[in-house]
């Protein structure tokens, strides 16, 4: 299979949403969406970043928080069952979303389908 063909397959699978950890690893990232958080206690910069993920990937992604940009981001299962999400206050959420997505993809790459919540074991 040619490199161009492989790239097209990855692009097609990402448009359909990640089905497995291998697809995310191959792409080197997780897709995400950013939406404004609406609510009484929400500030003007409150956002929710959603990462689509298969049911098999959710336990690994939510096993522990993501540490980046000087913050700790709790990754939670999306109640709709479509993946995971985190909430944050940021004037530039795109940068935070890219960094969190990179770390989640690295987690999938490093740990595969291991559900070990502690990386030290």
N, C-alpha and C. Protein backbone atom coordinates (compact mmCIF):
# COMPACT_ATOMS: atom_id res chain seq x y z
N UNK A 1 0.85 -1.17 0.00
CA UNK A 1 0.00 0.00 0.00
C UNK A 1 0.90 1.24 0.00
N UNK A 2 0.62 2.17 -0.85
CA UNK A 2 1.44 3.37 -0.96
C UNK A 2 1.20 4.32 0.21
N UNK A 3 2.14 5.22 0.42
CA UNK A 3 2.01 6.21 1.49
C UNK A 3 0.80 7.10 1.26
N UNK A 4 0.58 7.50 0.00
CA UNK A 4 -0.58 8.34 -0.31
C UNK A 4 -1.88 7.62 0.01
N UNK A 5 -1.92 6.33 -0.29
CA UNK A 5 -3.12 5.53 -0.01
C UNK A 5 -3.35 5.42 1.50
N UNK A 6 -2.26 5.20 2.25
CA UNK A 6 -2.39 5.12 3.70
C UNK A 6 -2.87 6.44 4.29
N UNK A 7 -2.33 7.54 3.78
CA UNK A 7 -2.74 8.86 4.27
C UNK A 7 -4.21 9.10 3.99
N UNK A 8 -4.67 8.70 2.80
CA UNK A 8 -6.08 8.89 2.45
C UNK A 8 -6.97 8.04 3.36
N UNK A 9 -6.54 6.80 3.66
CA UNK A 9 -7.31 5.94 4.56
C UNK A 9 -7.43 6.57 5.95
N UNK A 10 -6.33 7.13 6.45
CA UNK A 10 -6.35 7.77 7.77
C UNK A 10 -7.26 8.99 7.74
N UNK A 11 -7.15 9.79 6.69
CA UNK A 11 -7.99 10.98 6.57
C UNK A 11 -9.47 10.59 6.55
N UNK A 12 -9.81 9.56 5.80
CA UNK A 12 -11.19 9.10 5.71
C UNK A 12 -11.68 8.60 7.07
N UNK A 13 -10.84 7.83 7.77
CA UNK A 13 -11.26 7.29 9.06
C UNK A 13 -11.44 8.39 10.09
N UNK A 14 -10.62 9.45 10.03
CA UNK A 14 -10.77 10.54 10.98
C UNK A 14 -12.03 11.34 10.72
N UNK A 15 -12.44 11.46 9.46
CA UNK A 15 -13.70 12.14 9.16
C UNK A 15 -14.87 11.39 9.76
N UNK A 16 -14.74 10.06 9.79
CA UNK A 16 -15.81 9.23 10.35
C UNK A 16 -15.70 9.15 11.87
N UNK A 17 -14.61 9.60 12.43
CA UNK A 17 -14.39 9.52 13.87
C UNK A 17 -13.49 8.35 14.20
N UNK A 18 -12.67 8.47 15.24
CA UNK A 18 -11.74 7.40 15.58
C UNK A 18 -12.49 6.16 16.04
N UNK A 19 -12.09 5.02 15.50
CA UNK A 19 -12.71 3.77 15.88
C UNK A 19 -11.81 2.97 16.82
N UNK A 20 -10.51 3.26 16.78
CA UNK A 20 -9.58 2.50 17.59
C UNK A 20 -8.39 3.36 17.98
N UNK A 21 -7.67 2.87 18.95
CA UNK A 21 -6.45 3.56 19.37
C UNK A 21 -5.45 3.61 18.23
N UNK A 22 -5.38 2.55 17.41
CA UNK A 22 -4.42 2.50 16.32
C UNK A 22 -4.65 3.63 15.31
N UNK A 23 -5.89 3.96 15.03
CA UNK A 23 -6.17 5.05 14.09
C UNK A 23 -5.69 6.38 14.65
N UNK A 24 -5.89 6.60 15.94
CA UNK A 24 -5.44 7.85 16.57
C UNK A 24 -3.92 7.92 16.59
N UNK A 25 -3.29 6.79 16.88
CA UNK A 25 -1.84 6.75 16.91
C UNK A 25 -1.28 7.02 15.52
N UNK A 26 -1.89 6.41 14.51
CA UNK A 26 -1.43 6.60 13.13
C UNK A 26 -1.54 8.07 12.73
N UNK A 27 -2.59 8.71 13.19
CA UNK A 27 -2.79 10.13 12.85
C UNK A 27 -1.91 11.03 13.71
N UNK A 28 -1.41 10.51 14.84
CA UNK A 28 -0.56 11.29 15.73
C UNK A 28 -1.30 12.32 16.55
N UNK A 29 -2.63 12.20 16.62
CA UNK A 29 -3.41 13.18 17.37
C UNK A 29 -4.83 12.66 17.55
N UNK A 30 -5.56 13.35 18.37
CA UNK A 30 -6.99 13.10 18.51
C UNK A 30 -7.73 14.32 17.97
N UNK A 31 -8.83 14.10 17.35
CA UNK A 31 -9.67 15.21 16.90
C UNK A 31 -10.35 15.80 18.12
N UNK A 32 -10.79 17.04 18.03
CA UNK A 32 -11.49 17.68 19.15
C UNK A 32 -12.42 18.76 18.64
N UNK A 33 -13.37 19.11 19.49
CA UNK A 33 -14.24 20.25 19.23
C UNK A 33 -14.24 21.12 20.48
N UNK A 34 -14.38 22.42 20.28
CA UNK A 34 -14.40 23.36 21.39
C UNK A 34 -15.76 24.06 21.37
N UNK A 35 -16.40 24.08 22.53
CA UNK A 35 -17.69 24.78 22.62
C UNK A 35 -17.72 25.62 23.89
N UNK A 36 -18.42 26.73 23.83
CA UNK A 36 -18.55 27.61 25.00
C UNK A 36 -19.38 26.89 26.06
N UNK A 37 -18.95 27.01 27.29
CA UNK A 37 -19.71 26.44 28.40
C UNK A 37 -20.76 27.44 28.83
N UNK A 38 -21.99 26.97 28.89
CA UNK A 38 -23.10 27.83 29.25
C UNK A 38 -23.58 27.44 30.64
N UNK A 39 -23.76 28.42 31.49
CA UNK A 39 -24.24 28.13 32.83
C UNK A 39 -24.09 29.33 33.74
N UNK A 40 -24.66 29.23 34.91
CA UNK A 40 -24.66 30.32 35.87
C UNK A 40 -23.24 30.63 36.35
N UNK A 41 -22.46 29.58 36.63
CA UNK A 41 -21.12 29.80 37.19
C UNK A 41 -20.03 29.90 36.13
N UNK A 42 -20.40 29.95 34.87
CA UNK A 42 -19.42 29.99 33.79
C UNK A 42 -18.93 31.40 33.53
N UNK A 43 -17.61 31.52 33.36
CA UNK A 43 -17.04 32.82 32.99
C UNK A 43 -17.12 32.96 31.47
N UNK A 44 -16.75 34.12 30.97
CA UNK A 44 -16.80 34.37 29.53
C UNK A 44 -15.83 33.48 28.77
N UNK A 45 -14.77 32.99 29.45
CA UNK A 45 -13.76 32.16 28.80
C UNK A 45 -13.90 30.68 29.09
N UNK A 46 -15.01 30.25 29.70
CA UNK A 46 -15.21 28.84 30.01
C UNK A 46 -15.57 28.07 28.76
N UNK A 47 -14.83 26.97 28.53
CA UNK A 47 -15.09 26.13 27.36
C UNK A 47 -15.09 24.67 27.76
N UNK A 48 -15.70 23.87 26.90
CA UNK A 48 -15.66 22.42 27.00
C UNK A 48 -14.96 21.92 25.75
N UNK A 49 -13.93 21.10 25.94
CA UNK A 49 -13.23 20.50 24.80
C UNK A 49 -13.62 19.04 24.76
N UNK A 50 -14.19 18.62 23.64
CA UNK A 50 -14.65 17.24 23.48
C UNK A 50 -13.73 16.50 22.52
N UNK A 51 -13.40 15.26 22.90
CA UNK A 51 -12.56 14.39 22.10
C UNK A 51 -13.37 13.13 21.77
N UNK A 52 -13.74 12.92 20.51
CA UNK A 52 -14.48 11.70 20.19
C UNK A 52 -13.58 10.48 20.41
N UNK A 53 -14.14 9.43 20.98
CA UNK A 53 -13.36 8.22 21.24
C UNK A 53 -14.30 7.03 21.31
N UNK A 54 -13.79 5.88 20.92
CA UNK A 54 -14.59 4.66 21.00
C UNK A 54 -14.71 4.23 22.46
N UNK A 55 -15.66 3.38 22.72
CA UNK A 55 -15.89 2.90 24.09
C UNK A 55 -14.66 2.19 24.64
N UNK A 56 -13.88 1.53 23.78
CA UNK A 56 -12.68 0.83 24.23
C UNK A 56 -11.58 1.80 24.65
N UNK A 57 -11.56 3.00 24.11
CA UNK A 57 -10.52 3.98 24.42
C UNK A 57 -10.83 4.79 25.67
N UNK A 58 -12.10 4.92 26.03
CA UNK A 58 -12.52 5.80 27.13
C UNK A 58 -11.84 5.47 28.46
N UNK A 59 -11.78 4.21 28.91
CA UNK A 59 -11.14 3.94 30.21
C UNK A 59 -9.68 4.38 30.26
N UNK A 60 -8.96 4.21 29.19
CA UNK A 60 -7.55 4.61 29.16
C UNK A 60 -7.42 6.13 29.16
N UNK A 61 -8.27 6.81 28.42
CA UNK A 61 -8.20 8.27 28.35
C UNK A 61 -8.60 8.94 29.66
N UNK A 62 -9.50 8.31 30.41
CA UNK A 62 -9.99 8.91 31.67
C UNK A 62 -9.27 8.38 32.91
N UNK A 63 -8.29 7.50 32.73
CA UNK A 63 -7.61 6.86 33.86
C UNK A 63 -6.94 7.85 34.79
N UNK A 64 -6.43 8.95 34.25
CA UNK A 64 -5.76 9.96 35.08
C UNK A 64 -5.80 11.29 34.35
N UNK A 65 -5.57 12.40 35.06
CA UNK A 65 -5.62 13.72 34.43
C UNK A 65 -4.46 13.92 33.45
N UNK A 66 -4.61 14.93 32.61
CA UNK A 66 -3.56 15.34 31.69
C UNK A 66 -2.86 16.55 32.31
N UNK A 67 -1.55 16.51 32.35
CA UNK A 67 -0.75 17.61 32.88
C UNK A 67 -0.10 18.33 31.70
N UNK A 68 -0.43 19.60 31.51
CA UNK A 68 0.20 20.38 30.46
C UNK A 68 -0.09 21.86 30.67
N UNK A 69 0.76 22.70 30.12
CA UNK A 69 0.60 24.16 30.17
C UNK A 69 0.46 24.67 31.60
N UNK A 70 1.09 23.98 32.53
CA UNK A 70 1.03 24.40 33.93
C UNK A 70 -0.29 24.08 34.61
N UNK A 71 -1.12 23.26 33.99
CA UNK A 71 -2.41 22.93 34.57
C UNK A 71 -2.66 21.43 34.63
N UNK A 72 -3.70 21.07 35.35
CA UNK A 72 -4.14 19.68 35.48
C UNK A 72 -5.55 19.62 34.91
N UNK A 73 -5.73 18.82 33.88
CA UNK A 73 -7.02 18.74 33.20
C UNK A 73 -7.64 17.36 33.42
N UNK A 74 -8.77 17.34 34.14
CA UNK A 74 -9.49 16.10 34.38
C UNK A 74 -10.20 15.70 33.09
N UNK A 75 -9.97 14.49 32.65
CA UNK A 75 -10.63 13.96 31.46
C UNK A 75 -11.78 13.10 31.94
N UNK A 76 -12.98 13.43 31.47
CA UNK A 76 -14.20 12.73 31.92
C UNK A 76 -14.90 12.09 30.73
N UNK A 77 -15.61 11.01 31.02
CA UNK A 77 -16.40 10.36 29.98
C UNK A 77 -17.59 11.25 29.63
N UNK A 78 -17.83 11.41 28.34
CA UNK A 78 -18.96 12.20 27.87
C UNK A 78 -20.25 11.43 28.16
N UNK A 79 -21.22 12.04 28.83
CA UNK A 79 -22.47 11.34 29.15
C UNK A 79 -23.20 10.82 27.92
N UNK A 80 -22.98 11.43 26.78
CA UNK A 80 -23.64 10.97 25.55
C UNK A 80 -23.01 9.70 25.00
N UNK A 81 -21.84 9.31 25.55
CA UNK A 81 -21.17 8.10 25.10
C UNK A 81 -20.34 8.29 23.84
N UNK A 82 -20.15 9.53 23.44
CA UNK A 82 -19.43 9.78 22.19
C UNK A 82 -17.93 9.98 22.38
N UNK A 83 -17.43 9.91 23.61
CA UNK A 83 -16.01 10.11 23.84
C UNK A 83 -15.73 10.66 25.22
N UNK A 84 -14.79 11.61 25.29
CA UNK A 84 -14.39 12.21 26.56
C UNK A 84 -14.37 13.73 26.42
N UNK A 85 -14.29 14.42 27.57
CA UNK A 85 -14.24 15.88 27.53
C UNK A 85 -13.50 16.41 28.74
N UNK A 86 -13.12 17.66 28.66
CA UNK A 86 -12.57 18.39 29.79
C UNK A 86 -13.07 19.82 29.74
N UNK A 87 -13.10 20.47 30.88
CA UNK A 87 -13.56 21.86 30.96
C UNK A 87 -12.41 22.74 31.41
N UNK A 88 -12.35 23.96 30.88
CA UNK A 88 -11.31 24.88 31.31
C UNK A 88 -11.71 26.31 31.01
N UNK A 89 -11.02 27.23 31.66
CA UNK A 89 -11.16 28.67 31.39
C UNK A 89 -9.91 29.11 30.67
N UNK A 90 -10.07 29.62 29.48
CA UNK A 90 -8.92 30.05 28.70
C UNK A 90 -9.32 31.06 27.64
N UNK A 91 -8.48 32.06 27.45
CA UNK A 91 -8.74 33.02 26.38
C UNK A 91 -8.25 32.47 25.04
N UNK A 92 -7.43 31.40 25.08
CA UNK A 92 -6.97 30.76 23.85
C UNK A 92 -7.12 29.24 23.98
N UNK A 93 -8.35 28.74 23.96
CA UNK A 93 -8.58 27.31 24.19
C UNK A 93 -8.02 26.42 23.07
N UNK A 94 -7.82 26.96 21.88
CA UNK A 94 -7.30 26.16 20.77
C UNK A 94 -5.92 25.59 21.12
N UNK A 95 -5.07 26.41 21.71
CA UNK A 95 -3.73 25.96 22.10
C UNK A 95 -3.82 24.85 23.15
N UNK A 96 -4.65 25.05 24.15
CA UNK A 96 -4.83 24.04 25.19
C UNK A 96 -5.38 22.75 24.59
N UNK A 97 -6.35 22.86 23.69
CA UNK A 97 -6.95 21.67 23.07
C UNK A 97 -5.91 20.88 22.30
N UNK A 98 -5.04 21.57 21.54
CA UNK A 98 -3.99 20.87 20.79
C UNK A 98 -3.03 20.14 21.72
N UNK A 99 -2.65 20.79 22.81
CA UNK A 99 -1.71 20.18 23.76
C UNK A 99 -2.33 18.98 24.47
N UNK A 100 -3.57 19.10 24.87
CA UNK A 100 -4.26 17.99 25.54
C UNK A 100 -4.43 16.83 24.55
N UNK A 101 -4.82 17.13 23.31
CA UNK A 101 -5.00 16.10 22.29
C UNK A 101 -3.69 15.36 22.03
N UNK A 102 -2.59 16.09 21.98
CA UNK A 102 -1.29 15.48 21.77
C UNK A 102 -0.96 14.51 22.90
N UNK A 103 -1.20 14.92 24.14
CA UNK A 103 -0.90 14.05 25.28
C UNK A 103 -1.82 12.83 25.34
N UNK A 104 -3.08 13.00 24.96
CA UNK A 104 -3.98 11.85 24.93
C UNK A 104 -3.56 10.87 23.84
N UNK A 105 -3.15 11.37 22.68
CA UNK A 105 -2.67 10.49 21.60
C UNK A 105 -1.40 9.77 22.04
N UNK A 106 -0.51 10.48 22.73
CA UNK A 106 0.71 9.85 23.25
C UNK A 106 0.37 8.77 24.27
N UNK A 107 -0.64 9.03 25.08
CA UNK A 107 -1.07 8.03 26.07
C UNK A 107 -1.53 6.76 25.36
N UNK A 108 -2.31 6.92 24.32
CA UNK A 108 -2.77 5.77 23.56
C UNK A 108 -1.60 5.03 22.92
N UNK A 109 -0.66 5.78 22.41
CA UNK A 109 0.50 5.20 21.75
C UNK A 109 1.38 4.44 22.74
N UNK A 110 1.62 5.03 23.89
CA UNK A 110 2.52 4.44 24.88
C UNK A 110 1.90 3.26 25.61
N UNK A 111 0.60 3.33 25.85
CA UNK A 111 -0.04 2.33 26.69
C UNK A 111 -0.94 1.38 25.92
N UNK A 112 -1.18 1.67 24.65
CA UNK A 112 -2.03 0.78 23.85
C UNK A 112 -3.37 0.55 24.50
N UNK A 113 -3.75 -0.68 24.63
CA UNK A 113 -5.04 -1.00 25.23
C UNK A 113 -4.93 -1.36 26.70
N UNK A 114 -3.78 -1.04 27.32
CA UNK A 114 -3.59 -1.29 28.74
C UNK A 114 -4.52 -0.39 29.54
N UNK A 115 -5.19 -0.95 30.51
CA UNK A 115 -6.08 -0.14 31.35
C UNK A 115 -5.44 0.16 32.70
N UNK A 116 -4.11 0.04 32.79
CA UNK A 116 -3.40 0.32 34.02
C UNK A 116 -3.48 1.83 34.31
N UNK A 117 -4.17 2.24 35.39
CA UNK A 117 -4.32 3.66 35.66
C UNK A 117 -3.05 4.33 36.17
N UNK A 118 -2.06 3.56 36.58
CA UNK A 118 -0.82 4.15 37.10
C UNK A 118 0.32 3.87 36.14
N UNK A 119 0.93 4.90 35.55
CA UNK A 119 1.99 4.66 34.58
C UNK A 119 3.28 4.17 35.22
N UNK A 120 3.38 4.20 36.55
CA UNK A 120 4.59 3.77 37.24
C UNK A 120 4.62 2.27 37.48
N UNK A 121 3.54 1.58 37.23
CA UNK A 121 3.49 0.13 37.47
C UNK A 121 3.77 -0.64 36.20
